[in-house]
Amino acid sequence: MTKEEKIQSFDPNGAGLKDSNIFGLPFTPEESDIVLIPVPWEVTVSYGSGASHGPEHIMEASYQVDLFHPEFPQLWKAGVAMMDIPEQLAMRAQELKTKAQGIIEMWEDGVDVENDAKAQELQKEINTECEKMNQWVEEQCTHWLEKGKKVGLVGGDHSTPLGYFRAQAKRHKEFGILHIDAHMDFRIAFEGFTYSHASIMYNALALPEVSRIVQVGIRDFCEQENDVATGQGGRVFVHTNAALRRSQFEGATWKNLCEEIIEQLPQKVHISFDIDGLDPTLCPNTGTPVPGGLWFDEATYLLRKLKDSGREIIGFDLVEVSPGEDDWNGNVGARMLFYMCGVVSRD
């Protein structure tokens, strides 16, 4: 059956069938305009865990998302499909996570990790395997980008998009990152892990093609991160949650603030969305929740304004969605994911 035949026979008003692809859609990645790459990886987590299960829980919750969205009424016809979750990657991540936790506990216990031979050997192994994950992500993203697809990465922790950034850097001479997060993620090899989830934006700065990082919703960072951000000569703009709220309390509208944020971005933009950029009532089980943050409609309004600005959204990632005792985080994650698909679509 062709894609057009599937569109004609599919009922977008029906219940999502669990033997279908994400959002209950009938399309394969080859047939879809938007391909989602699941990366069930969390190795260097330093607080809460569970992000490696994010893709499967988002998938499960996605069947409850209605396919008609007033802003993107034809999105489902474009086709959205998620690749199969790579189980071997998930298993390897779990093995490494156990080893990494041992090193983290040594740091917390005051052990001189940098001069402990066993710890250094483990750190080297973890850094090597994380780099293999980065290479796998880059290969997968490159494969689908070369087929003309819009690509979304579904994490996993926030270390996972680095390979995607590298793939973007090979295709674009210059692009910016709109980074929605509670954290700056500018730590340098946090706890000895080169590819820590807390170091993703520091690692992105190593790519000269990343001309601008604009951070939104930031509310937790250390002095080192602040020094990195302020030492980039205008390459990094930080909109802390406190500063955004203060501006609103003093009369600024969210529309005005979004326009200011978007004005700081170049023509080509990758969206990197850590779910803890939202208020933690919307993502209580994420690994490192912080009070404050954006409300769902504030985040989607910003993304819509970005789309309407005429900038080219070259891709996105959604990370740190962690399951809890219920489906709440997966539900919010699935709905944000659907909206992000709408933002990158031609609808």
Foldseek 3Di string as FASTA:
>chain_A
DALVVQVVPDDLPDQQDLVDFALSANDDLLRAQEEEEEQLADAQFQFFDFQSCLVVLLRVLSRVDRQADPLQRCLVSRPYGYDPHDVVSNVVRVVNNVLNVVLSVCVVVVHPLVPDVVSVVSLVVQLVVLVVLLCVLLVVLLVSVVVNHAYEYEDDAQLRCLSVLVNVVVVAQAFEEEEQAQALLCDCCVSVHNSHSSNNVVSSVVRVRHQAYEYPQHNDYDPVSVCVQVVPVLRYHYHHQVNVVVVVVVPDDLVVVLVVRLVSTDQEYEYEYEPLQAACVQQVNFGDHDHGHHHPVSVLVSLVVNLVVNGQYRHYYYTRQGDDPDSRSSNSSSVVVSSVSSSNDPD
